[in-house]
C-alpha atoms as a PDB file:
ATOM      1  CA  MET A   1     136.400  83.119 110.574  1.00  0.00           C
ATOM      2  CA  ASN A   2     136.840  86.848 112.036  1.00  0.00           C
ATOM      3  CA  THR A   3     135.709  88.353 108.436  1.00  0.00           C
ATOM      4  CA  PHE A   4     134.381  86.880 104.591  1.00  0.00           C
ATOM      5  CA  GLU A   5     135.089  88.688 101.713  1.00  0.00           C
ATOM      6  CA  VAL A   6     132.840  88.270  98.278  1.00  0.00           C
ATOM      7  CA  VAL A   7     133.470  90.048  94.937  1.00  0.00           C
ATOM      8  CA  VAL A   8     130.485  90.222  92.585  1.00  0.00           C
ATOM      9  CA  ALA A   9     131.469  90.732  89.323  1.00  0.00           C
ATOM     10  CA  GLY A  10     129.971  91.731  85.812  1.00  0.00           C
ATOM     11  CA  VAL A  11     128.626  94.331  83.803  1.00  0.00           C
ATOM     12  CA  GLY A  12     125.918  97.115  84.155  1.00  0.00           C
ATOM     13  CA  GLY A  13     122.608  96.223  83.761  1.00  0.00           C
ATOM     14  CA  GLN A  14     122.854  92.597  85.631  1.00  0.00           C
ATOM     15  CA  GLY A  15     122.263  93.427  88.878  1.00  0.00           C
ATOM     16  CA  SER A  16     125.380  92.885  90.431  1.00  0.00           C
ATOM     17  CA  ILE A  17     124.948  96.215  92.785  1.00  0.00           C
ATOM     18  CA  LEU A  18     121.646  94.525  94.066  1.00  0.00           C
ATOM     19  CA  VAL A  19     123.284  91.472  94.766  1.00  0.00           C
ATOM     20  CA  SER A  20     125.980  92.680  96.929  1.00  0.00           C
ATOM     21  CA  HIS A  21     123.319  95.027  98.456  1.00  0.00           C
ATOM     22  CA  VAL A  22     121.007  92.266  99.494  1.00  0.00           C
ATOM     23  CA  LEU A  23     124.380  90.363 100.729  1.00  0.00           C
ATOM     24  CA  ALA A  24     125.657  93.033 103.217  1.00  0.00           C
ATOM     25  CA  ASP A  25     121.741  93.762 104.356  1.00  0.00           C
ATOM     26  CA  ALA A  26     121.237  90.391 105.141  1.00  0.00           C
ATOM     27  CA  ALA A  27     124.467  89.743 106.929  1.00  0.00           C
ATOM     28  CA  ILE A  28     123.619  93.263 109.279  1.00  0.00           C
ATOM     29  CA  ARG A  29     120.070  91.742 110.448  1.00  0.00           C
ATOM     30  CA  ASP A  30     122.238  88.222 111.254  1.00  0.00           C
ATOM     31  CA  GLY A  31     123.749  90.879 113.519  1.00  0.00           C
ATOM     32  CA  LYS A  32     127.096  91.411 111.698  1.00  0.00           C
ATOM     33  CA  ARG A  33     129.384  94.041 111.017  1.00  0.00           C
ATOM     34  CA  ALA A  34     129.043  94.637 106.803  1.00  0.00           C
ATOM     35  CA  ARG A  35     130.264  97.576 104.223  1.00  0.00           C
ATOM     36  CA  VAL A  36     130.174  97.839 100.793  1.00  0.00           C
ATOM     37  CA  GLY A  37     132.433  99.166  97.830  1.00  0.00           C
ATOM     38  CA  GLU A  38     131.527  99.483  94.741  1.00  0.00           C
ATOM     39  CA  THR A  39     133.772 100.220  91.221  1.00  0.00           C
ATOM     40  CA  PHE A  40     131.984 101.247  88.243  1.00  0.00           C
ATOM     41  CA  GLY A  41     134.413 100.443  84.710  1.00  0.00           C
ATOM     42  CA  ALA A  42     132.017 102.733  82.693  1.00  0.00           C
ATOM     43  CA  ALA A  43     128.502 104.431  83.856  1.00  0.00           C
ATOM     44  CA  GLN A  44     126.373 102.640  81.119  1.00  0.00           C
ATOM     45  CA  ARG A  45     124.925  99.183  80.551  1.00  0.00           C
ATOM     46  CA  GLY A  46     127.560  96.911  79.163  1.00  0.00           C
ATOM     47  CA  GLY A  47     130.232  98.512  81.435  1.00  0.00           C
ATOM     48  CA  ALA A  48     132.002  96.503  83.941  1.00  0.00           C
ATOM     49  CA  VAL A  49     131.076  96.343  87.393  1.00  0.00           C
ATOM     50  CA  SER A  50     132.542  95.330  90.759  1.00  0.00           C
ATOM     51  CA  SER A  51     130.997  95.481  94.285  1.00  0.00           C
ATOM     52  CA  HIS A  52     133.280  94.013  97.440  1.00  0.00           C
ATOM     53  CA  VAL A  53     131.126  93.219 100.273  1.00  0.00           C
ATOM     54  CA  ARG A  54     132.889  92.535 103.012  1.00  0.00           C
ATOM     55  CA  ILE A  55     131.462  90.958 106.363  1.00  0.00           C
ATOM     56  CA  GLY A  56     132.351  90.570 110.303  1.00  0.00           C
ATOM     57  CA  ASP A  57     135.832  92.462 111.646  1.00  0.00           C
ATOM     58  CA  VAL A  58     136.052  94.807 108.821  1.00  0.00           C
ATOM     59  CA  TYR A  59     136.381  99.103 108.122  1.00  0.00           C
ATOM     60  CA  ALA A  60     137.489  99.368 104.863  1.00  0.00           C
ATOM     61  CA  PRO A  61     135.267  99.026 102.021  1.00  0.00           C
ATOM     62  CA  THR A  62     136.852  97.362  99.682  1.00  0.00           C
ATOM     63  CA  CYS A  63     139.125  93.688  99.171  1.00  0.00           C
ATOM     64  CA  MET A  64     142.632  93.958  99.515  1.00  0.00           C
ATOM     65  CA  SER A  65     144.554  91.768  96.509  1.00  0.00           C
ATOM     66  CA  LYS A  66     143.725  88.165  96.910  1.00  0.00           C
ATOM     67  CA  SER A  67     141.947  88.793  99.869  1.00  0.00           C
ATOM     68  CA  ALA A  68     138.484  87.323  98.518  1.00  0.00           C
ATOM     69  CA  HIS A  69     136.643  84.135  99.908  1.00  0.00           C
ATOM     70  CA  ALA A  70     134.663  84.141  97.235  1.00  0.00           C
ATOM     71  CA  ILE A  71     133.403  85.774  93.617  1.00  0.00           C
ATOM     72  CA  LEU A  72     130.526  85.595  92.643  1.00  0.00           C
ATOM     73  CA  ALA A  73     130.237  86.005  88.942  1.00  0.00           C
ATOM     74  CA  LEU A  74     127.298  87.466  86.405  1.00  0.00           C
ATOM     75  CA  GLU A  75     129.496  87.243  83.208  1.00  0.00           C
ATOM     76  CA  PRO A  76     132.472  85.401  82.622  1.00  0.00           C
ATOM     77  CA  LEU A  77     135.462  87.633  81.524  1.00  0.00           C
ATOM     78  CA  GLU A  78     134.878  89.898  84.294  1.00  0.00           C
ATOM     79  CA  CYS A  79     135.450  86.901  86.483  1.00  0.00           C
ATOM     80  CA  ALA A  80     138.493  86.221  84.929  1.00  0.00           C
ATOM     81  CA  ARG A  81     139.579  90.030  85.822  1.00  0.00           C
ATOM     82  CA  ALA A  82     138.370  89.775  89.773  1.00  0.00           C
ATOM     83  CA  SER A  83     139.104  86.430  90.013  1.00  0.00           C
ATOM     84  CA  ALA A  84     142.409  87.268  88.676  1.00  0.00           C
ATOM     85  CA  LYS A  85     142.765  90.014  91.040  1.00  0.00           C
ATOM     86  CA  TYR A  86     140.957  89.785  93.980  1.00  0.00           C
ATOM     87  CA  LEU A  87     140.458  85.843  94.770  1.00  0.00           C
ATOM     88  CA  ALA A  88     142.065  84.184  98.204  1.00  0.00           C
ATOM     89  CA  ASP A  89     144.133  80.876  97.340  1.00  0.00           C
ATOM     90  CA  SER A  90     141.590  78.018  97.532  1.00  0.00           C
ATOM     91  CA  GLY A  91     138.365  80.516  97.480  1.00  0.00           C
ATOM     92  CA  THR A  92     135.066  79.684  95.651  1.00  0.00           C
ATOM     93  CA  VAL A  93     133.640  81.161  92.235  1.00  0.00           C
ATOM     94  CA  VAL A  94     130.329  80.747  91.487  1.00  0.00           C
ATOM     95  CA  LEU A  95     130.023  81.732  87.949  1.00  0.00           C
ATOM     96  CA  SER A  96     127.524  82.289  85.003  1.00  0.00           C
ATOM     97  CA  SER A  97     127.643  80.913  81.859  1.00  0.00           C
ATOM     98  CA  GLU A  98     126.410  83.547  79.350  1.00  0.00           C
ATOM     99  CA  SER A  99     128.941  85.869  78.147  1.00  0.00           C
ATOM    100  CA  ILE A 100     128.594  89.351  77.104  1.00  0.00           C
ATOM    101  CA  MET A 101     130.345  90.665  75.059  1.00  0.00           C
ATOM    102  CA  PRO A 102     132.150  94.062  75.079  1.00  0.00           C
ATOM    103  CA  VAL A 103     132.718  96.509  72.574  1.00  0.00           C
ATOM    104  CA  ASP A 104     136.216  96.149  71.498  1.00  0.00           C
ATOM    105  CA  VAL A 105     135.207  92.389  71.085  1.00  0.00           C
ATOM    106  CA  ASN A 106     131.676  93.259  69.167  1.00  0.00           C
ATOM    107  CA  ILE A 107     133.869  95.273  66.701  1.00  0.00           C
ATOM    108  CA  GLY A 108     136.950  93.003  65.851  1.00  0.00           C
ATOM    109  CA  LEU A 109     139.602  94.847  67.977  1.00  0.00           C
ATOM    110  CA  ALA A 110     139.576  91.668  70.706  1.00  0.00           C
ATOM    111  CA  LYS A 111     138.800  88.013  70.926  1.00  0.00           C
ATOM    112  CA  TYR A 112     136.238  86.614  73.894  1.00  0.00           C
ATOM    113  CA  PRO A 113     138.091  83.782  75.284  1.00  0.00           C
ATOM    114  CA  SER A 114     136.505  80.675  75.436  1.00  0.00           C
ATOM    115  CA  LEU A 115     134.407  79.850  79.039  1.00  0.00           C
ATOM    116  CA  SER A 116     136.570  76.532  78.997  1.00  0.00           C
ATOM    117  CA  SER A 117     139.454  78.788  79.022  1.00  0.00           C
ATOM    118  CA  ILE A 118     138.432  80.755  81.748  1.00  0.00           C
ATOM    119  CA  VAL A 119     137.070  77.817  84.182  1.00  0.00           C
ATOM    120  CA  GLU A 120     140.687  76.453  83.285  1.00  0.00           C
ATOM    121  CA  HIS A 121     142.381  79.570  84.449  1.00  0.00           C
ATOM    122  CA  ILE A 122     140.200  80.112  87.679  1.00  0.00           C
ATOM    123  CA  SER A 123     140.686  76.585  88.247  1.00  0.00           C
ATOM    124  CA  LYS A 124     144.383  76.801  88.979  1.00  0.00           C
ATOM    125  CA  ILE A 125     143.687  79.009  92.238  1.00  0.00           C
ATOM    126  CA  GLY A 126     140.365  78.060  93.463  1.00  0.00           C
ATOM    127  CA  LYS A 127     137.102  76.393  93.516  1.00  0.00           C
ATOM    128  CA  VAL A 128     134.346  76.994  90.514  1.00  0.00           C
ATOM    129  CA  LEU A 129     130.540  76.358  90.035  1.00  0.00           C
ATOM    130  CA  VAL A 130     129.186  77.283  86.830  1.00  0.00           C
ATOM    131  CA  VAL A 131     126.107  77.701  86.428  1.00  0.00           C
ATOM    132  CA  ASP A 132     123.260  77.830  83.561  1.00  0.00           C
ATOM    133  CA  ALA A 133     121.716  81.282  85.096  1.00  0.00           C
ATOM    134  CA  ARG A 134     119.672  82.402  82.422  1.00  0.00           C
ATOM    135  CA  SER A 135     117.874  79.066  81.813  1.00  0.00           C
ATOM    136  CA  LEU A 136     117.593  78.545  85.726  1.00  0.00           C
ATOM    137  CA  ALA A 137     115.614  82.326  85.489  1.00  0.00           C
ATOM    138  CA  GLU A 138     114.000  81.429  82.754  1.00  0.00           C
ATOM    139  CA  LYS A 139     112.451  78.779  84.405  1.00  0.00           C
ATOM    140  CA  ALA A 140     111.474  80.790  87.375  1.00  0.00           C
ATOM    141  CA  GLY A 141     109.621  83.122  85.955  1.00  0.00           C
ATOM    142  CA  SER A 142     111.683  86.154  83.791  1.00  0.00           C
ATOM    143  CA  THR A 143     115.588  86.136  82.657  1.00  0.00           C
ATOM    144  CA  LYS A 144     116.141  89.688  84.828  1.00  0.00           C
ATOM    145  CA  CYS A 145     116.628  87.455  88.049  1.00  0.00           C
ATOM    146  CA  ALA A 146     119.458  85.697  86.690  1.00  0.00           C
ATOM    147  CA  ASN A 147     121.410  87.491  89.639  1.00  0.00           C
ATOM    148  CA  VAL A 148     118.957  86.233  92.483  1.00  0.00           C
ATOM    149  CA  VAL A 149     119.810  82.489  90.889  1.00  0.00           C
ATOM    150  CA  MET A 150     123.206  83.047  91.669  1.00  0.00           C
ATOM    151  CA  LEU A 151     122.887  84.319  94.765  1.00  0.00           C
ATOM    152  CA  GLY A 152     121.084  81.415  95.677  1.00  0.00           C
ATOM    153  CA  ALA A 153     123.504  79.166  94.145  1.00  0.00           C
ATOM    154  CA  LEU A 154     126.430  81.182  96.291  1.00  0.00           C
ATOM    155  CA  TYR A 155     124.516  80.230  98.830  1.00  0.00           C
ATOM    156  CA  GLY A 156     124.120  76.147  98.508  1.00  0.00           C
ATOM    157  CA  THR A 157     127.569  76.462  98.223  1.00  0.00           C
ATOM    158  CA  GLY A 158     127.217  76.285 102.005  1.00  0.00           C
ATOM    159  CA  ILE A 159     130.767  79.065 102.026  1.00  0.00           C
ATOM    160  CA  LEU A 160     128.208  82.041 103.074  1.00  0.00           C
ATOM    161  CA  PRO A 161     128.315  83.081 106.967  1.00  0.00           C
ATOM    162  CA  ILE A 162     124.725  83.983 106.364  1.00  0.00           C
ATOM    163  CA  SER A 163     121.150  82.945 107.204  1.00  0.00           C
ATOM    164  CA  LYS A 164     118.853  82.007 104.452  1.00  0.00           C
ATOM    165  CA  LYS A 165     116.214  83.382 106.535  1.00  0.00           C
ATOM    166  CA  SER A 166     117.999  87.116 106.304  1.00  0.00           C
ATOM    167  CA  LEU A 167     119.125  86.404 102.555  1.00  0.00           C
ATOM    168  CA  LEU A 168     115.262  85.941 101.573  1.00  0.00           C
ATOM    169  CA  GLU A 169     113.772  88.500 103.699  1.00  0.00           C
ATOM    170  CA  SER A 170     116.310  91.311 101.991  1.00  0.00           C
ATOM    171  CA  ILE A 171     115.554  89.741  98.472  1.00  0.00           C
ATOM    172  CA  SER A 172     111.764  90.615  99.455  1.00  0.00           C
ATOM    173  CA  GLU A 173     112.584  94.136 100.706  1.00  0.00           C
ATOM    174  CA  ARG A 174     114.752  95.024  98.119  1.00  0.00           C
ATOM    175  CA  VAL A 175     113.219  93.984  94.658  1.00  0.00           C
ATOM    176  CA  PRO A 176     109.735  95.346  92.869  1.00  0.00           C
ATOM    177  CA  LYS A 177     106.601  93.883  94.599  1.00  0.00           C
ATOM    178  CA  LYS A 178     105.794  92.565  91.603  1.00  0.00           C
ATOM    179  CA  THR A 179     108.847  89.901  91.204  1.00  0.00           C
ATOM    180  CA  VAL A 180     109.095  89.025  94.725  1.00  0.00           C
ATOM    181  CA  GLU A 181     107.397  85.495  94.061  1.00  0.00           C
ATOM    182  CA  ILE A 182     109.634  85.456  90.718  1.00  0.00           C
ATOM    183  CA  ASN A 183     112.858  86.586  92.957  1.00  0.00           C
ATOM    184  CA  LEU A 184     112.084  83.635  95.620  1.00  0.00           C
ATOM    185  CA  ASN A 185     111.861  81.249  92.871  1.00  0.00           C
ATOM    186  CA  ALA A 186     115.266  82.258  91.650  1.00  0.00           C
ATOM    187  CA  PHE A 187     116.710  81.854  94.789  1.00  0.00           C
ATOM    188  CA  ALA A 188     115.679  78.642  95.759  1.00  0.00           C
ATOM    189  CA  LEU A 189     116.599  77.092  91.963  1.00  0.00           C
ATOM    190  CA  GLY A 190     120.001  78.618  92.072  1.00  0.00           C
ATOM    191  CA  GLU A 191     120.432  76.835  95.598  1.00  0.00           C
ATOM    192  CA  GLU A 192     119.289  73.292  94.435  1.00  0.00           C
ATOM    193  CA  TYR A 193     121.340  73.565  91.765  1.00  0.00           C
ATOM    194  CA  ALA A 194     124.647  74.006  93.810  1.00  0.00           C
ATOM    195  CA  LYS A 195     123.669  71.696  95.864  1.00  0.00           C
ATOM    196  CA  THR A 196     123.575  69.502  93.561  1.00  0.00           C
ATOM    197  CA  HIS A 197     126.345  70.258  91.400  1.00  0.00           C
ATOM    198  CA  TRP A 198     129.083  71.574  94.527  1.00  0.00           C
ATOM    199  CA  ASN A 199     130.934  68.618  95.295  1.00  0.00           C
ATOM    200  CA  CYS A 200     133.983  70.716  97.601  1.00  0.00           C
END
């Protein structure tokens, strides 16, 4: 495979941009070319955020339609949106089960789809691993590291063309020093979860 493309989808405040930069940095540590592109639905906490990571023989920073080998989704509705646009046929989706209701749902102007309906829809395109990232992050020591739990789960599927050593080095350098151990624990818990629940 000459290229590998990942879309990290979530909402503001979940740490999707950190995850995308960890992925790109780790790929570069492994001697690969990597590009990162970001899109923001709203420049505030709770607004949609999508980060594109392209690894290998790449030049443009953003994924084309239906070109992503993987969607790393920190929020279910944003997962549905990203998957519909970017997920390649038979691609992989690693999805956090925790929903964050958008404003139009909170004020009664729209309904939030059920997690099961989102998973059912995405399963028609690719393979899905649902992760209770919040619970695993709590076990690691902080709910703030749910994004790193998800990164560990993506690595645990075995599809990433990036070494674990480089990922852990990048995490250690990019998170606050006092949270390094918690984040490494979070990665390990996500990886373990994927290895015991991913059968694709």
